[in-house]
Amino acid sequence: MPVSERDLTMRVNVKLFAMLSRYAQGKAPGAPFEVELSEGSTVQDLLQQLKVPPDETKVVFVNGIIQTKDFNLKPEDQVGIFPPIAGG
């Protein structure tokens, strides 16, 4: 039986910072963990899988470069997600 595109998966490494760490299943802020996604997934797909509300994400880095939520992730990408920062 041929493998459908939806059956192909990849892993990305994620770090959630500050208050977003509550979506990392008990990991400390900034502690890396792996997430398995379907190949072709975007940053937005990753956020949805982690159940991070859109208004709680301000900046997303992929391999050290700021990316938009429609950026297509690749296997082994390093993703850092930051919330809006308040204060002065």
PDB file of N, CA and C in Angstrom:
ATOM      1  N   MET A   1       0.854  -1.183   0.000  1.00  0.00           N
ATOM      2  CA  MET A   1       0.000   0.000   0.000  1.00  0.00           C
ATOM      3  C   MET A   1       0.889   1.231   0.000  1.00  0.00           C
ATOM      4  N   PRO A   2       0.654   2.203  -0.906  1.00  0.00           N
ATOM      5  CA  PRO A   2       1.494   3.398  -0.952  1.00  0.00           C
ATOM      6  C   PRO A   2       1.309   4.257   0.298  1.00  0.00           C
ATOM      7  N   VAL A   3       2.366   4.922   0.668  1.00  0.00           N
ATOM      8  CA  VAL A   3       2.317   5.804   1.828  1.00  0.00           C
ATOM      9  C   VAL A   3       1.769   7.146   1.374  1.00  0.00           C
ATOM     10  N   SER A   4       0.722   7.616   2.029  1.00  0.00           N
ATOM     11  CA  SER A   4       0.168   8.919   1.673  1.00  0.00           C
ATOM     12  C   SER A   4       1.018  10.013   2.300  1.00  0.00           C
ATOM     13  N   GLU A   5       0.916  11.208   1.746  1.00  0.00           N
ATOM     14  CA  GLU A   5       1.700  12.329   2.254  1.00  0.00           C
ATOM     15  C   GLU A   5       1.376  12.612   3.708  1.00  0.00           C
ATOM     16  N   ARG A   6       0.142  12.400   4.143  1.00  0.00           N
ATOM     17  CA  ARG A   6      -0.253  12.656   5.527  1.00  0.00           C
ATOM     18  C   ARG A   6       0.360  11.639   6.485  1.00  0.00           C
ATOM     19  N   ASP A   7       0.827  10.497   5.987  1.00  0.00           N
ATOM     20  CA  ASP A   7       1.439   9.494   6.850  1.00  0.00           C
ATOM     21  C   ASP A   7       2.904   9.806   7.152  1.00  0.00           C
ATOM     22  N   LEU A   8       3.521  10.688   6.364  1.00  0.00           N
ATOM     23  CA  LEU A   8       4.922  11.017   6.566  1.00  0.00           C
ATOM     24  C   LEU A   8       5.036  12.016   7.710  1.00  0.00           C
ATOM     25  N   THR A   9       5.948  11.733   8.624  1.00  0.00           N
ATOM     26  CA  THR A   9       6.109  12.625   9.759  1.00  0.00           C
ATOM     27  C   THR A   9       7.548  13.112   9.855  1.00  0.00           C
ATOM     28  N   MET A  10       7.713  14.144  10.652  1.00  0.00           N
ATOM     29  CA  MET A  10       9.036  14.701  10.920  1.00  0.00           C
ATOM     30  C   MET A  10       9.049  15.161  12.366  1.00  0.00           C
ATOM     31  N   ARG A  11      10.253  15.364  12.865  1.00  0.00           N
ATOM     32  CA  ARG A  11      10.405  15.880  14.223  1.00  0.00           C
ATOM     33  C   ARG A  11      11.102  17.227  14.158  1.00  0.00           C
ATOM     34  N   VAL A  12      10.610  18.157  14.987  1.00  0.00           N
ATOM     35  CA  VAL A  12      11.282  19.444  15.153  1.00  0.00           C
ATOM     36  C   VAL A  12      11.593  19.614  16.639  1.00  0.00           C
ATOM     37  N   ASN A  13      12.601  20.400  16.932  1.00  0.00           N
ATOM     38  CA  ASN A  13      12.985  20.685  18.308  1.00  0.00           C
ATOM     39  C   ASN A  13      12.426  22.044  18.686  1.00  0.00           C
ATOM     40  N   VAL A  14      11.747  22.096  19.834  1.00  0.00           N
ATOM     41  CA  VAL A  14      11.023  23.298  20.230  1.00  0.00           C
ATOM     42  C   VAL A  14      11.504  23.773  21.592  1.00  0.00           C
ATOM     43  N   LYS A  15      11.569  25.106  21.740  1.00  0.00           N
ATOM     44  CA  LYS A  15      11.803  25.741  23.029  1.00  0.00           C
ATOM     45  C   LYS A  15      10.712  26.787  23.209  1.00  0.00           C
ATOM     46  N   LEU A  16       9.978  26.686  24.316  1.00  0.00           N
ATOM     47  CA  LEU A  16       8.955  27.671  24.648  1.00  0.00           C
ATOM     48  C   LEU A  16       9.487  28.536  25.784  1.00  0.00           C
ATOM     49  N   PHE A  17       9.377  29.843  25.627  1.00  0.00           N
ATOM     50  CA  PHE A  17       9.964  30.755  26.601  1.00  0.00           C
ATOM     51  C   PHE A  17       8.899  31.466  27.435  1.00  0.00           C
ATOM     52  N   ALA A  18       9.326  31.875  28.632  1.00  0.00           N
ATOM     53  CA  ALA A  18       8.502  32.618  29.589  1.00  0.00           C
ATOM     54  C   ALA A  18       7.205  31.856  29.874  1.00  0.00           C
ATOM     55  N   MET A  19       6.071  32.553  29.846  1.00  0.00           N
ATOM     56  CA  MET A  19       4.800  31.930  30.229  1.00  0.00           C
ATOM     57  C   MET A  19       4.357  30.824  29.265  1.00  0.00           C
ATOM     58  N   LEU A  20       4.922  30.773  28.070  1.00  0.00           N
ATOM     59  CA  LEU A  20       4.536  29.727  27.112  1.00  0.00           C
ATOM     60  C   LEU A  20       4.982  28.340  27.559  1.00  0.00           C
ATOM     61  N   SER A  21       5.903  28.260  28.510  1.00  0.00           N
ATOM     62  CA  SER A  21       6.400  26.954  28.950  1.00  0.00           C
ATOM     63  C   SER A  21       5.281  26.080  29.517  1.00  0.00           C
ATOM     64  N   ARG A  22       4.171  26.674  29.899  1.00  0.00           N
ATOM     65  CA  ARG A  22       3.054  25.859  30.418  1.00  0.00           C
ATOM     66  C   ARG A  22       2.458  24.940  29.339  1.00  0.00           C
ATOM     67  N   TYR A  23       2.769  25.215  28.072  1.00  0.00           N
ATOM     68  CA  TYR A  23       2.300  24.359  26.980  1.00  0.00           C
ATOM     69  C   TYR A  23       3.311  23.264  26.633  1.00  0.00           C
ATOM     70  N   ALA A  24       4.388  23.164  27.417  1.00  0.00           N
ATOM     71  CA  ALA A  24       5.467  22.217  27.119  1.00  0.00           C
ATOM     72  C   ALA A  24       5.439  21.000  28.027  1.00  0.00           C
ATOM     73  N   GLN A  25       4.305  20.666  28.573  1.00  0.00           N
ATOM     74  CA  GLN A  25       4.132  19.446  29.373  1.00  0.00           C
ATOM     75  C   GLN A  25       5.186  19.302  30.457  1.00  0.00           C
ATOM     76  N   GLY A  26       5.276  20.323  31.336  1.00  0.00           N
ATOM     77  CA  GLY A  26       6.138  20.222  32.496  1.00  0.00           C
ATOM     78  C   GLY A  26       7.595  20.566  32.276  1.00  0.00           C
ATOM     79  N   LYS A  27       7.959  21.046  31.112  1.00  0.00           N
ATOM     80  CA  LYS A  27       9.349  21.433  30.850  1.00  0.00           C
ATOM     81  C   LYS A  27       9.601  22.833  31.417  1.00  0.00           C
ATOM     82  N   ALA A  28      10.831  23.096  31.816  1.00  0.00           N
ATOM     83  CA  ALA A  28      11.222  24.419  32.279  1.00  0.00           C
ATOM     84  C   ALA A  28      11.236  25.385  31.092  1.00  0.00           C
ATOM     85  N   PRO A  29      11.021  26.702  31.352  1.00  0.00           N
ATOM     86  CA  PRO A  29      11.083  27.669  30.252  1.00  0.00           C
ATOM     87  C   PRO A  29      12.404  27.550  29.489  1.00  0.00           C
ATOM     88  N   GLY A  30      12.314  27.465  28.173  1.00  0.00           N
ATOM     89  CA  GLY A  30      13.497  27.377  27.329  1.00  0.00           C
ATOM     90  C   GLY A  30      14.105  25.988  27.209  1.00  0.00           C
ATOM     91  N   ALA A  31      13.545  24.988  27.923  1.00  0.00           N
ATOM     92  CA  ALA A  31      14.068  23.621  27.821  1.00  0.00           C
ATOM     93  C   ALA A  31      13.608  23.007  26.500  1.00  0.00           C
ATOM     94  N   PRO A  32      14.509  22.412  25.737  1.00  0.00           N
ATOM     95  CA  PRO A  32      14.126  21.858  24.438  1.00  0.00           C
ATOM     96  C   PRO A  32      13.351  20.545  24.573  1.00  0.00           C
ATOM     97  N   PHE A  33      12.441  20.333  23.630  1.00  0.00           N
ATOM     98  CA  PHE A  33      11.723  19.061  23.538  1.00  0.00           C
ATOM     99  C   PHE A  33      11.354  18.835  22.077  1.00  0.00           C
ATOM    100  N   GLU A  34      11.131  17.582  21.728  1.00  0.00           N
ATOM    101  CA  GLU A  34      10.790  17.235  20.344  1.00  0.00           C
ATOM    102  C   GLU A  34       9.285  17.176  20.151  1.00  0.00           C
ATOM    103  N   VAL A  35       8.865  17.576  18.963  1.00  0.00           N
ATOM    104  CA  VAL A  35       7.459  17.485  18.571  1.00  0.00           C
ATOM    105  C   VAL A  35       7.413  16.788  17.228  1.00  0.00           C
ATOM    106  N   GLU A  36       6.529  15.818  17.093  1.00  0.00           N
ATOM    107  CA  GLU A  36       6.335  15.123  15.817  1.00  0.00           C
ATOM    108  C   GLU A  36       5.163  15.757  15.083  1.00  0.00           C
ATOM    109  N   LEU A  37       5.407  16.108  13.830  1.00  0.00           N
ATOM    110  CA  LEU A  37       4.409  16.754  12.981  1.00  0.00           C
ATOM    111  C   LEU A  37       4.353  16.044  11.639  1.00  0.00           C
ATOM    112  N   SER A  38       3.278  16.274  10.902  1.00  0.00           N
ATOM    113  CA  SER A  38       3.208  15.805   9.520  1.00  0.00           C
ATOM    114  C   SER A  38       4.178  16.610   8.684  1.00  0.00           C
ATOM    115  N   GLU A  39       4.844  15.956   7.724  1.00  0.00           N
ATOM    116  CA  GLU A  39       5.728  16.690   6.818  1.00  0.00           C
ATOM    117  C   GLU A  39       4.927  17.776   6.119  1.00  0.00           C
ATOM    118  N   GLY A  40       5.563  18.911   5.901  1.00  0.00           N
ATOM    119  CA  GLY A  40       4.876  20.031   5.274  1.00  0.00           C
ATOM    120  C   GLY A  40       4.151  20.925   6.258  1.00  0.00           C
ATOM    121  N   SER A  41       4.254  20.634   7.554  1.00  0.00           N
ATOM    122  CA  SER A  41       3.587  21.453   8.559  1.00  0.00           C
ATOM    123  C   SER A  41       4.219  22.836   8.644  1.00  0.00           C
ATOM    124  N   THR A  42       3.406  23.797   9.053  1.00  0.00           N
ATOM    125  CA  THR A  42       3.864  25.169   9.223  1.00  0.00           C
ATOM    126  C   THR A  42       4.054  25.479  10.706  1.00  0.00           C
ATOM    127  N   VAL A  43       4.601  26.660  10.973  1.00  0.00           N
ATOM    128  CA  VAL A  43       4.704  27.125  12.357  1.00  0.00           C
ATOM    129  C   VAL A  43       3.317  27.153  12.984  1.00  0.00           C
ATOM    130  N   GLN A  44       2.311  27.609  12.232  1.00  0.00           N
ATOM    131  CA  GLN A  44       0.941  27.651  12.757  1.00  0.00           C
ATOM    132  C   GLN A  44       0.453  26.251  13.134  1.00  0.00           C
ATOM    133  N   ASP A  45       0.749  25.248  12.325  1.00  0.00           N
ATOM    134  CA  ASP A  45       0.370  23.867  12.652  1.00  0.00           C
ATOM    135  C   ASP A  45       1.016  23.432  13.957  1.00  0.00           C
ATOM    136  N   LEU A  46       2.277  23.803  14.150  1.00  0.00           N
ATOM    137  CA  LEU A  46       2.985  23.475  15.396  1.00  0.00           C
ATOM    138  C   LEU A  46       2.299  24.138  16.586  1.00  0.00           C
ATOM    139  N   LEU A  47       1.975  25.424  16.454  1.00  0.00           N
ATOM    140  CA  LEU A  47       1.305  26.137  17.544  1.00  0.00           C
ATOM    141  C   LEU A  47      -0.034  25.499  17.878  1.00  0.00           C
ATOM    142  N   GLN A  48      -0.779  25.093  16.856  1.00  0.00           N
ATOM    143  CA  GLN A  48      -2.066  24.431  17.091  1.00  0.00           C
ATOM    144  C   GLN A  48      -1.879  23.099  17.801  1.00  0.00           C
ATOM    145  N   GLN A  49      -0.874  22.327  17.410  1.00  0.00           N
ATOM    146  CA  GLN A  49      -0.634  21.040  18.045  1.00  0.00           C
ATOM    147  C   GLN A  49      -0.258  21.226  19.513  1.00  0.00           C
ATOM    148  N   LEU A  50       0.498  22.281  19.813  1.00  0.00           N
ATOM    149  CA  LEU A  50       0.895  22.561  21.191  1.00  0.00           C
ATOM    150  C   LEU A  50      -0.223  23.239  21.986  1.00  0.00           C
ATOM    151  N   LYS A  51      -1.293  23.634  21.287  1.00  0.00           N
ATOM    152  CA  LYS A  51      -2.439  24.322  21.889  1.00  0.00           C
ATOM    153  C   LYS A  51      -2.067  25.699  22.446  1.00  0.00           C
ATOM    154  N   VAL A  52      -1.150  26.374  21.743  1.00  0.00           N
ATOM    155  CA  VAL A  52      -0.751  27.733  22.111  1.00  0.00           C
ATOM    156  C   VAL A  52      -1.694  28.704  21.405  1.00  0.00           C
ATOM    157  N   PRO A  53      -2.452  29.526  22.158  1.00  0.00           N
ATOM    158  CA  PRO A  53      -3.357  30.492  21.526  1.00  0.00           C
ATOM    159  C   PRO A  53      -2.578  31.511  20.681  1.00  0.00           C
ATOM    160  N   PRO A  54      -3.121  31.888  19.527  1.00  0.00           N
ATOM    161  CA  PRO A  54      -2.405  32.809  18.625  1.00  0.00           C
ATOM    162  C   PRO A  54      -2.004  34.122  19.283  1.00  0.00           C
ATOM    163  N   ASP A  55      -2.831  34.659  20.174  1.00  0.00           N
ATOM    164  CA  ASP A  55      -2.518  35.945  20.795  1.00  0.00           C
ATOM    165  C   ASP A  55      -1.424  35.843  21.861  1.00  0.00           C
ATOM    166  N   GLU A  56      -0.977  34.633  22.179  1.00  0.00           N
ATOM    167  CA  GLU A  56       0.082  34.454  23.166  1.00  0.00           C
ATOM    168  C   GLU A  56       1.459  34.280  22.527  1.00  0.00           C
ATOM    169  N   THR A  57       1.519  34.373  21.206  1.00  0.00           N
ATOM    170  CA  THR A  57       2.790  34.216  20.497  1.00  0.00           C
ATOM    171  C   THR A  57       3.143  35.527  19.813  1.00  0.00           C
ATOM    172  N   LYS A  58       4.333  36.043  20.100  1.00  0.00           N
ATOM    173  CA  LYS A  58       4.778  37.290  19.482  1.00  0.00           C
ATOM    174  C   LYS A  58       5.850  37.052  18.426  1.00  0.00           C
ATOM    175  N   VAL A  59       6.885  36.263  18.775  1.00  0.00           N
ATOM    176  CA  VAL A  59       8.019  36.048  17.872  1.00  0.00           C
ATOM    177  C   VAL A  59       8.332  34.561  17.811  1.00  0.00           C
ATOM    178  N   VAL A  60       8.572  34.074  16.582  1.00  0.00           N
ATOM    179  CA  VAL A  60       8.980  32.680  16.380  1.00  0.00           C
ATOM    180  C   VAL A  60      10.284  32.686  15.586  1.00  0.00           C
ATOM    181  N   PHE A  61      11.302  32.027  16.154  1.00  0.00           N
ATOM    182  CA  PHE A  61      12.576  31.847  15.470  1.00  0.00           C
ATOM    183  C   PHE A  61      12.652  30.410  14.969  1.00  0.00           C
ATOM    184  N   VAL A  62      13.065  30.221  13.733  1.00  0.00           N
ATOM    185  CA  VAL A  62      13.352  28.891  13.194  1.00  0.00           C
ATOM    186  C   VAL A  62      14.815  28.915  12.758  1.00  0.00           C
ATOM    187  N   ASN A  63      15.599  28.071  13.404  1.00  0.00           N
ATOM    188  CA  ASN A  63      17.040  28.020  13.140  1.00  0.00           C
ATOM    189  C   ASN A  63      17.687  29.402  13.272  1.00  0.00           C
ATOM    190  N   GLY A  64      17.222  30.166  14.284  1.00  0.00           N
ATOM    191  CA  GLY A  64      17.812  31.459  14.585  1.00  0.00           C
ATOM    192  C   GLY A  64      17.321  32.625  13.757  1.00  0.00           C
ATOM    193  N   ILE A  65      16.347  32.402  12.885  1.00  0.00           N
ATOM    194  CA  ILE A  65      15.818  33.463  12.015  1.00  0.00           C
ATOM    195  C   ILE A  65      14.334  33.647  12.305  1.00  0.00           C
ATOM    196  N   ILE A  66      13.913  34.908  12.486  1.00  0.00           N
ATOM    197  CA  ILE A  66      12.496  35.179  12.722  1.00  0.00           C
ATOM    198  C   ILE A  66      11.697  34.738  11.493  1.00  0.00           C
ATOM    199  N   GLN A  67      10.609  34.003  11.760  1.00  0.00           N
ATOM    200  CA  GLN A  67       9.753  33.514  10.676  1.00  0.00           C
ATOM    201  C   GLN A  67       8.291  33.836  10.974  1.00  0.00           C
ATOM    202  N   THR A  68       7.482  33.844   9.919  1.00  0.00           N
ATOM    203  CA  THR A  68       6.044  34.044  10.062  1.00  0.00           C
ATOM    204  C   THR A  68       5.377  32.715  10.385  1.00  0.00           C
ATOM    205  N   LYS A  69       4.129  32.780  10.777  1.00  0.00           N
ATOM    206  CA  LYS A  69       3.401  31.569  11.159  1.00  0.00           C
ATOM    207  C   LYS A  69       3.084  30.663   9.971  1.00  0.00           C
ATOM    208  N   ASP A  70       3.204  31.171   8.747  1.00  0.00           N
ATOM    209  CA  ASP A  70       2.949  30.321   7.581  1.00  0.00           C
ATOM    210  C   ASP A  70       4.235  29.680   7.032  1.00  0.00           C
ATOM    211  N   PHE A  71       5.351  29.831   7.753  1.00  0.00           N
ATOM    212  CA  PHE A  71       6.623  29.246   7.340  1.00  0.00           C
ATOM    213  C   PHE A  71       6.547  27.721   7.407  1.00  0.00           C
ATOM    214  N   ASN A  72       7.003  27.042   6.351  1.00  0.00           N
ATOM    215  CA  ASN A  72       7.017  25.575   6.315  1.00  0.00           C
ATOM    216  C   ASN A  72       8.222  25.040   7.073  1.00  0.00           C
ATOM    217  N   LEU A  73       7.956  24.205   8.053  1.00  0.00           N
ATOM    218  CA  LEU A  73       9.017  23.598   8.848  1.00  0.00           C
ATOM    219  C   LEU A  73       9.622  22.406   8.123  1.00  0.00           C
ATOM    220  N   LYS A  74      10.874  22.117   8.468  1.00  0.00           N
ATOM    221  CA  LYS A  74      11.587  20.967   7.906  1.00  0.00           C
ATOM    222  C   LYS A  74      12.067  20.081   9.051  1.00  0.00           C
ATOM    223  N   PRO A  75      12.327  18.812   8.783  1.00  0.00           N
ATOM    224  CA  PRO A  75      12.807  17.920   9.842  1.00  0.00           C
ATOM    225  C   PRO A  75      14.040  18.497  10.544  1.00  0.00           C
ATOM    226  N   GLU A  76      14.037  18.355  11.854  1.00  0.00           N
ATOM    227  CA  GLU A  76      15.144  18.780  12.723  1.00  0.00           C
ATOM    228  C   GLU A  76      15.286  20.291  12.867  1.00  0.00           C
ATOM    229  N   ASP A  77      14.312  21.070  12.381  1.00  0.00           N
ATOM    230  CA  ASP A  77      14.362  22.512  12.618  1.00  0.00           C
ATOM    231  C   ASP A  77      14.391  22.787  14.112  1.00  0.00           C
ATOM    232  N   GLN A  78      15.042  23.881  14.491  1.00  0.00           N
ATOM    233  CA  GLN A  78      15.100  24.359  15.867  1.00  0.00           C
ATOM    234  C   GLN A  78      14.150  25.550  15.958  1.00  0.00           C
ATOM    235  N   VAL A  79      13.093  25.420  16.767  1.00  0.00           N
ATOM    236  CA  VAL A  79      12.054  26.438  16.841  1.00  0.00           C
ATOM    237  C   VAL A  79      12.016  27.038  18.242  1.00  0.00           C
ATOM    238  N   GLY A  80      12.142  28.338  18.333  1.00  0.00           N
ATOM    239  CA  GLY A  80      12.004  29.063  19.594  1.00  0.00           C
ATOM    240  C   GLY A  80      10.790  29.952  19.530  1.00  0.00           C
ATOM    241  N   ILE A  81       9.917  29.863  20.527  1.00  0.00           N
ATOM    242  CA  ILE A  81       8.655  30.618  20.510  1.00  0.00           C
ATOM    243  C   ILE A  81       8.601  31.513  21.739  1.00  0.00           C
ATOM    244  N   PHE A  82       8.347  32.810  21.495  1.00  0.00           N
ATOM    245  CA  PHE A  82       8.335  33.813  22.558  1.00  0.00           C
ATOM    246  C   PHE A  82       6.973  34.489  22.641  1.00  0.00           C
ATOM    247  N   PRO A  83       6.528  34.786  23.869  1.00  0.00           N
ATOM    248  CA  PRO A  83       5.267  35.525  24.043  1.00  0.00           C
ATOM    249  C   PRO A  83       5.513  37.026  23.912  1.00  0.00           C
ATOM    250  N   PRO A  84       4.420  37.819  23.848  1.00  0.00           N
ATOM    251  CA  PRO A  84       4.597  39.269  23.923  1.00  0.00           C
ATOM    252  C   PRO A  84       5.226  39.611  25.278  1.00  0.00           C
ATOM    253  N   ILE A  85       6.089  40.570  25.293  1.00  0.00           N
ATOM    254  CA  ILE A  85       6.737  40.992  26.536  1.00  0.00           C
ATOM    255  C   ILE A  85       6.148  42.319  26.968  1.00  0.00           C
ATOM    256  N   ALA A  86       5.685  42.363  28.199  1.00  0.00           N
ATOM    257  CA  ALA A  86       5.102  43.609  28.747  1.00  0.00           C
ATOM    258  C   ALA A  86       6.135  44.256  29.661  1.00  0.00           C
ATOM    259  N   GLY A  87       5.935  45.506  29.887  1.00  0.00           N
ATOM    260  CA  GLY A  87       6.823  46.216  30.808  1.00  0.00           C
ATOM    261  C   GLY A  87       7.474  47.391  30.129  1.00  0.00           C
ATOM    262  N   GLY A  88       8.375  48.038  30.851  1.00  0.00           N
ATOM    263  CA  GLY A  88       8.976  49.230  30.268  1.00  0.00           C
ATOM    264  C   GLY A  88      10.417  49.380  30.605  1.00  0.00           C
TER     265      GLY A  88
END
